[in-house]
Amino acid sequence: MHSKRKWRPAIVRSSLTVIAGLVTGVMAVAGWGAWHALDRHATVPPPGPVQWQDAHHARAVLAQYRANL
């Protein structure tokens, strides 16, 4: 019994495989670049004195937000 799929020469099949591999590689690099650009890792705080009033304000805003939930 023959396959229903159309027969293609080896050069066409190999070039399609190469193209699929290249597309996969480009997508992987693009995904890594996007992940790296949106890096959410912890960062070092800027040098200088700590702005305590900003911290207290942030805590108050967070408490207000939680109260409104």
PDB file of N, CA and C in Angstrom:
ATOM      1  N   MET A   1       0.840  -1.178   0.000  1.00  0.00           N
ATOM      2  CA  MET A   1       0.000   0.000   0.000  1.00  0.00           C
ATOM      3  C   MET A   1       0.885   1.241   0.000  1.00  0.00           C
ATOM      4  N   HIS A   2       0.561   2.168  -0.844  1.00  0.00           N
ATOM      5  CA  HIS A   2       1.363   3.376  -0.964  1.00  0.00           C
ATOM      6  C   HIS A   2       0.877   4.451  -0.002  1.00  0.00           C
ATOM      7  N   SER A   3       1.827   5.315   0.367  1.00  0.00           N
ATOM      8  CA  SER A   3       1.476   6.438   1.235  1.00  0.00           C
ATOM      9  C   SER A   3       0.672   7.464   0.445  1.00  0.00           C
ATOM     10  N   LYS A   4      -0.244   8.122   1.127  1.00  0.00           N
ATOM     11  CA  LYS A   4      -1.052   9.150   0.467  1.00  0.00           C
ATOM     12  C   LYS A   4      -0.295  10.476   0.358  1.00  0.00           C
ATOM     13  N   ARG A   5       0.801  10.580   1.115  1.00  0.00           N
ATOM     14  CA  ARG A   5       1.570  11.807   1.071  1.00  0.00           C
ATOM     15  C   ARG A   5       2.337  11.911  -0.243  1.00  0.00           C
ATOM     16  N   LYS A   6       2.434  13.129  -0.770  1.00  0.00           N
ATOM     17  CA  LYS A   6       3.126  13.333  -2.041  1.00  0.00           C
ATOM     18  C   LYS A   6       4.630  13.125  -1.843  1.00  0.00           C
ATOM     19  N   TRP A   7       5.232  12.451  -2.794  1.00  0.00           N
ATOM     20  CA  TRP A   7       6.667  12.202  -2.715  1.00  0.00           C
ATOM     21  C   TRP A   7       7.427  13.463  -3.082  1.00  0.00           C
ATOM     22  N   ARG A   8       8.461  13.773  -2.307  1.00  0.00           N
ATOM     23  CA  ARG A   8       9.307  14.930  -2.609  1.00  0.00           C
ATOM     24  C   ARG A   8      10.746  14.452  -2.729  1.00  0.00           C
ATOM     25  N   PRO A   9      11.518  15.089  -3.590  1.00  0.00           N
ATOM     26  CA  PRO A   9      12.936  14.717  -3.695  1.00  0.00           C
ATOM     27  C   PRO A   9      13.673  14.968  -2.379  1.00  0.00           C
ATOM     28  N   ALA A  10      14.781  14.281  -2.196  1.00  0.00           N
ATOM     29  CA  ALA A  10      15.544  14.384  -0.956  1.00  0.00           C
ATOM     30  C   ALA A  10      16.030  15.808  -0.716  1.00  0.00           C
ATOM     31  N   ILE A  11      16.406  16.531  -1.769  1.00  0.00           N
ATOM     32  CA  ILE A  11      16.917  17.891  -1.585  1.00  0.00           C
ATOM     33  C   ILE A  11      15.833  18.811  -1.034  1.00  0.00           C
ATOM     34  N   VAL A  12      14.595  18.601  -1.454  1.00  0.00           N
ATOM     35  CA  VAL A  12      13.488  19.422  -0.948  1.00  0.00           C
ATOM     36  C   VAL A  12      13.221  19.086   0.511  1.00  0.00           C
ATOM     37  N   ARG A  13      13.227  17.787   0.836  1.00  0.00           N
ATOM     38  CA  ARG A  13      12.982  17.385   2.220  1.00  0.00           C
ATOM     39  C   ARG A  13      14.078  17.903   3.144  1.00  0.00           C
ATOM     40  N   SER A  14      15.328  17.819   2.708  1.00  0.00           N
ATOM     41  CA  SER A  14      16.427  18.272   3.559  1.00  0.00           C
ATOM     42  C   SER A  14      16.409  19.787   3.719  1.00  0.00           C
ATOM     43  N   SER A  15      16.062  20.519   2.654  1.00  0.00           N
ATOM     44  CA  SER A  15      16.028  21.975   2.779  1.00  0.00           C
ATOM     45  C   SER A  15      14.877  22.408   3.680  1.00  0.00           C
ATOM     46  N   LEU A  16      13.748  21.684   3.618  1.00  0.00           N
ATOM     47  CA  LEU A  16      12.647  22.008   4.526  1.00  0.00           C
ATOM     48  C   LEU A  16      13.045  21.750   5.976  1.00  0.00           C
ATOM     49  N   THR A  17      13.812  20.697   6.197  1.00  0.00           N
ATOM     50  CA  THR A  17      14.291  20.398   7.545  1.00  0.00           C
ATOM     51  C   THR A  17      15.236  21.488   8.035  1.00  0.00           C
ATOM     52  N   VAL A  18      16.119  21.947   7.164  1.00  0.00           N
ATOM     53  CA  VAL A  18      17.054  23.015   7.533  1.00  0.00           C
ATOM     54  C   VAL A  18      16.290  24.297   7.838  1.00  0.00           C
ATOM     55  N   ILE A  19      15.309  24.633   7.012  1.00  0.00           N
ATOM     56  CA  ILE A  19      14.517  25.847   7.239  1.00  0.00           C
ATOM     57  C   ILE A  19      13.765  25.745   8.567  1.00  0.00           C
ATOM     58  N   ALA A  20      13.179  24.585   8.845  1.00  0.00           N
ATOM     59  CA  ALA A  20      12.467  24.397  10.113  1.00  0.00           C
ATOM     60  C   ALA A  20      13.420  24.544  11.297  1.00  0.00           C
ATOM     61  N   GLY A  21      14.628  24.012  11.164  1.00  0.00           N
ATOM     62  CA  GLY A  21      15.623  24.156  12.226  1.00  0.00           C
ATOM     63  C   GLY A  21      16.034  25.596  12.438  1.00  0.00           C
ATOM     64  N   LEU A  22      16.223  26.326  11.341  1.00  0.00           N
ATOM     65  CA  LEU A  22      16.595  27.738  11.460  1.00  0.00           C
ATOM     66  C   LEU A  22      15.479  28.553  12.103  1.00  0.00           C
ATOM     67  N   VAL A  23      14.247  28.296  11.691  1.00  0.00           N
ATOM     68  CA  VAL A  23      13.112  29.022  12.281  1.00  0.00           C
ATOM     69  C   VAL A  23      13.016  28.720  13.773  1.00  0.00           C
ATOM     70  N   THR A  24      13.198  27.463  14.144  1.00  0.00           N
ATOM     71  CA  THR A  24      13.157  27.094  15.559  1.00  0.00           C
ATOM     72  C   THR A  24      14.269  27.795  16.330  1.00  0.00           C
ATOM     73  N   GLY A  25      15.460  27.840  15.768  1.00  0.00           N
ATOM     74  CA  GLY A  25      16.571  28.520  16.424  1.00  0.00           C
ATOM     75  C   GLY A  25      16.328  30.005  16.588  1.00  0.00           C
ATOM     76  N   VAL A  26      15.816  30.639  15.545  1.00  0.00           N
ATOM     77  CA  VAL A  26      15.533  32.078  15.621  1.00  0.00           C
ATOM     78  C   VAL A  26      14.460  32.347  16.671  1.00  0.00           C
ATOM     79  N   MET A  27      13.436  31.503  16.716  1.00  0.00           N
ATOM     80  CA  MET A  27      12.376  31.687  17.712  1.00  0.00           C
ATOM     81  C   MET A  27      12.925  31.509  19.132  1.00  0.00           C
ATOM     82  N   ALA A  28      13.829  30.556  19.310  1.00  0.00           N
ATOM     83  CA  ALA A  28      14.415  30.340  20.631  1.00  0.00           C
ATOM     84  C   ALA A  28      15.243  31.542  21.055  1.00  0.00           C
ATOM     85  N   VAL A  29      16.040  32.076  20.146  1.00  0.00           N
ATOM     86  CA  VAL A  29      16.863  33.247  20.466  1.00  0.00           C
ATOM     87  C   VAL A  29      15.974  34.456  20.744  1.00  0.00           C
ATOM     88  N   ALA A  30      14.912  34.639  19.951  1.00  0.00           N
ATOM     89  CA  ALA A  30      13.996  35.760  20.168  1.00  0.00           C
ATOM     90  C   ALA A  30      13.283  35.619  21.513  1.00  0.00           C
ATOM     91  N   GLY A  31      12.887  34.420  21.861  1.00  0.00           N
ATOM     92  CA  GLY A  31      12.241  34.199  23.154  1.00  0.00           C
ATOM     93  C   GLY A  31      13.182  34.471  24.304  1.00  0.00           C
ATOM     94  N   TRP A  32      14.431  34.011  24.178  1.00  0.00           N
ATOM     95  CA  TRP A  32      15.410  34.284  25.227  1.00  0.00           C
ATOM     96  C   TRP A  32      15.666  35.781  25.333  1.00  0.00           C
ATOM     97  N   GLY A  33      15.755  36.469  24.190  1.00  0.00           N
ATOM     98  CA  GLY A  33      15.975  37.918  24.214  1.00  0.00           C
ATOM     99  C   GLY A  33      14.827  38.651  24.878  1.00  0.00           C
ATOM    100  N   ALA A  34      13.601  38.233  24.594  1.00  0.00           N
ATOM    101  CA  ALA A  34      12.439  38.871  25.222  1.00  0.00           C
ATOM    102  C   ALA A  34      12.436  38.604  26.723  1.00  0.00           C
ATOM    103  N   TRP A  35      12.763  37.377  27.113  1.00  0.00           N
ATOM    104  CA  TRP A  35      12.812  37.052  28.536  1.00  0.00           C
ATOM    105  C   TRP A  35      13.899  37.872  29.223  1.00  0.00           C
ATOM    106  N   HIS A  36      15.027  38.004  28.566  1.00  0.00           N
ATOM    107  CA  HIS A  36      16.137  38.756  29.141  1.00  0.00           C
ATOM    108  C   HIS A  36      15.801  40.241  29.233  1.00  0.00           C
ATOM    109  N   ALA A  37      15.085  40.770  28.242  1.00  0.00           N
ATOM    110  CA  ALA A  37      14.715  42.181  28.261  1.00  0.00           C
ATOM    111  C   ALA A  37      13.709  42.464  29.371  1.00  0.00           C
ATOM    112  N   LEU A  38      12.852  41.508  29.662  1.00  0.00           N
ATOM    113  CA  LEU A  38      11.854  41.676  30.717  1.00  0.00           C
ATOM    114  C   LEU A  38      12.332  41.025  32.010  1.00  0.00           C
ATOM    115  N   ASP A  39      13.622  41.127  32.244  1.00  0.00           N
ATOM    116  CA  ASP A  39      14.256  40.471  33.386  1.00  0.00           C
ATOM    117  C   ASP A  39      13.599  40.910  34.688  1.00  0.00           C
ATOM    118  N   ARG A  40      13.121  39.956  35.449  1.00  0.00           N
ATOM    119  CA  ARG A  40      12.438  40.272  36.703  1.00  0.00           C
ATOM    120  C   ARG A  40      13.262  39.812  37.920  1.00  0.00           C
ATOM    121  N   HIS A  41      14.542  39.639  37.728  1.00  0.00           N
ATOM    122  CA  HIS A  41      15.380  39.215  38.840  1.00  0.00           C
ATOM    123  C   HIS A  41      15.580  40.370  39.812  1.00  0.00           C
ATOM    124  N   ALA A  42      15.950  40.020  41.032  1.00  0.00           N
ATOM    125  CA  ALA A  42      16.188  41.044  42.044  1.00  0.00           C
ATOM    126  C   ALA A  42      17.351  41.931  41.616  1.00  0.00           C
ATOM    127  N   THR A  43      17.192  43.208  41.829  1.00  0.00           N
ATOM    128  CA  THR A  43      18.246  44.151  41.466  1.00  0.00           C
ATOM    129  C   THR A  43      18.826  44.768  42.730  1.00  0.00           C
ATOM    130  N   VAL A  44      20.011  45.284  42.608  1.00  0.00           N
ATOM    131  CA  VAL A  44      20.674  45.928  43.734  1.00  0.00           C
ATOM    132  C   VAL A  44      20.061  47.311  43.914  1.00  0.00           C
ATOM    133  N   PRO A  45      19.698  47.689  45.142  1.00  0.00           N
ATOM    134  CA  PRO A  45      19.134  49.024  45.334  1.00  0.00           C
ATOM    135  C   PRO A  45      20.169  50.096  45.018  1.00  0.00           C
ATOM    136  N   PRO A  46      19.736  51.264  44.587  1.00  0.00           N
ATOM    137  CA  PRO A  46      20.691  52.317  44.256  1.00  0.00           C
ATOM    138  C   PRO A  46      21.447  52.773  45.502  1.00  0.00           C
ATOM    139  N   PRO A  47      22.695  53.170  45.325  1.00  0.00           N
ATOM    140  CA  PRO A  47      23.463  53.623  46.485  1.00  0.00           C
ATOM    141  C   PRO A  47      22.899  54.936  47.025  1.00  0.00           C
ATOM    142  N   GLY A  48      23.135  55.176  48.292  1.00  0.00           N
ATOM    143  CA  GLY A  48      22.658  56.414  48.911  1.00  0.00           C
ATOM    144  C   GLY A  48      21.766  56.094  50.090  1.00  0.00           C
ATOM    145  N   PRO A  49      21.363  57.129  50.778  1.00  0.00           N
ATOM    146  CA  PRO A  49      20.524  56.912  51.962  1.00  0.00           C
ATOM    147  C   PRO A  49      19.157  56.347  51.577  1.00  0.00           C
ATOM    148  N   VAL A  50      18.633  55.536  52.463  1.00  0.00           N
ATOM    149  CA  VAL A  50      17.315  54.950  52.230  1.00  0.00           C
ATOM    150  C   VAL A  50      16.259  56.022  52.464  1.00  0.00           C
ATOM    151  N   GLN A  51      15.333  56.116  51.540  1.00  0.00           N
ATOM    152  CA  GLN A  51      14.260  57.094  51.677  1.00  0.00           C
ATOM    153  C   GLN A  51      13.122  56.445  52.471  1.00  0.00           C
ATOM    154  N   TRP A  52      13.148  56.615  53.796  1.00  0.00           N
ATOM    155  CA  TRP A  52      12.177  55.932  54.645  1.00  0.00           C
ATOM    156  C   TRP A  52      10.757  56.420  54.399  1.00  0.00           C
ATOM    157  N   GLN A  53      10.610  57.715  54.068  1.00  0.00           N
ATOM    158  CA  GLN A  53       9.254  58.215  53.841  1.00  0.00           C
ATOM    159  C   GLN A  53       8.631  57.527  52.630  1.00  0.00           C
ATOM    160  N   ASP A  54       9.455  57.199  51.627  1.00  0.00           N
ATOM    161  CA  ASP A  54       8.935  56.477  50.466  1.00  0.00           C
ATOM    162  C   ASP A  54       8.486  55.073  50.865  1.00  0.00           C
ATOM    163  N   ALA A  55       9.263  54.428  51.735  1.00  0.00           N
ATOM    164  CA  ALA A  55       8.907  53.086  52.184  1.00  0.00           C
ATOM    165  C   ALA A  55       7.607  53.113  52.980  1.00  0.00           C
ATOM    166  N   HIS A  56       7.453  54.108  53.856  1.00  0.00           N
ATOM    167  CA  HIS A  56       6.228  54.210  54.645  1.00  0.00           C
ATOM    168  C   HIS A  56       5.031  54.517  53.750  1.00  0.00           C
ATOM    169  N   HIS A  57       5.245  55.362  52.750  1.00  0.00           N
ATOM    170  CA  HIS A  57       4.163  55.685  51.820  1.00  0.00           C
ATOM    171  C   HIS A  57       3.746  54.435  51.042  1.00  0.00           C
ATOM    172  N   ALA A  58       4.734  53.667  50.587  1.00  0.00           N
ATOM    173  CA  ALA A  58       4.427  52.442  49.849  1.00  0.00           C
ATOM    174  C   ALA A  58       3.665  51.464  50.739  1.00  0.00           C
ATOM    175  N   ARG A  59       4.061  51.367  52.005  1.00  0.00           N
ATOM    176  CA  ARG A  59       3.365  50.472  52.927  1.00  0.00           C
ATOM    177  C   ARG A  59       1.926  50.934  53.146  1.00  0.00           C
ATOM    178  N   ALA A  60       1.720  52.254  53.261  1.00  0.00           N
ATOM    179  CA  ALA A  60       0.368  52.783  53.453  1.00  0.00           C
ATOM    180  C   ALA A  60      -0.496  52.532  52.218  1.00  0.00           C
ATOM    181  N   VAL A  61       0.079  52.723  51.035  1.00  0.00           N
ATOM    182  CA  VAL A  61      -0.669  52.476  49.800  1.00  0.00           C
ATOM    183  C   VAL A  61      -1.034  51.003  49.696  1.00  0.00           C
ATOM    184  N   LEU A  62      -0.106  50.120  50.044  1.00  0.00           N
ATOM    185  CA  LEU A  62      -0.376  48.685  50.001  1.00  0.00           C
ATOM    186  C   LEU A  62      -1.474  48.306  50.992  1.00  0.00           C
ATOM    187  N   ALA A  63      -1.427  48.881  52.195  1.00  0.00           N
ATOM    188  CA  ALA A  63      -2.463  48.590  53.187  1.00  0.00           C
ATOM    189  C   ALA A  63      -3.829  49.066  52.696  1.00  0.00           C
ATOM    190  N   GLN A  64      -3.864  50.233  52.065  1.00  0.00           N
ATOM    191  CA  GLN A  64      -5.126  50.752  51.537  1.00  0.00           C
ATOM    192  C   GLN A  64      -5.640  49.854  50.410  1.00  0.00           C
ATOM    193  N   TYR A  65      -4.738  49.387  49.573  1.00  0.00           N
ATOM    194  CA  TYR A  65      -5.127  48.501  48.476  1.00  0.00           C
ATOM    195  C   TYR A  65      -5.712  47.202  49.020  1.00  0.00           C
ATOM    196  N   ARG A  66      -5.049  46.640  50.031  1.00  0.00           N
ATOM    197  CA  ARG A  66      -5.541  45.392  50.620  1.00  0.00           C
ATOM    198  C   ARG A  66      -6.895  45.599  51.292  1.00  0.00           C
ATOM    199  N   ALA A  67      -7.103  46.771  51.898  1.00  0.00           N
ATOM    200  CA  ALA A  67      -8.379  47.050  52.554  1.00  0.00           C
ATOM    201  C   ALA A  67      -9.504  47.157  51.534  1.00  0.00           C
ATOM    202  N   ASN A  68      -9.189  47.596  50.327  1.00  0.00           N
ATOM    203  CA  ASN A  68     -10.210  47.766  49.292  1.00  0.00           C
ATOM    204  C   ASN A  68     -10.537  46.463  48.571  1.00  0.00           C
ATOM    205  N   LEU A  69      -9.743  45.420  48.800  1.00  0.00           N
ATOM    206  CA  LEU A  69     -10.037  44.137  48.150  1.00  0.00           C
ATOM    207  C   LEU A  69     -11.216  43.549  48.807  1.00  0.00           C
TER     208      LEU A  69
END
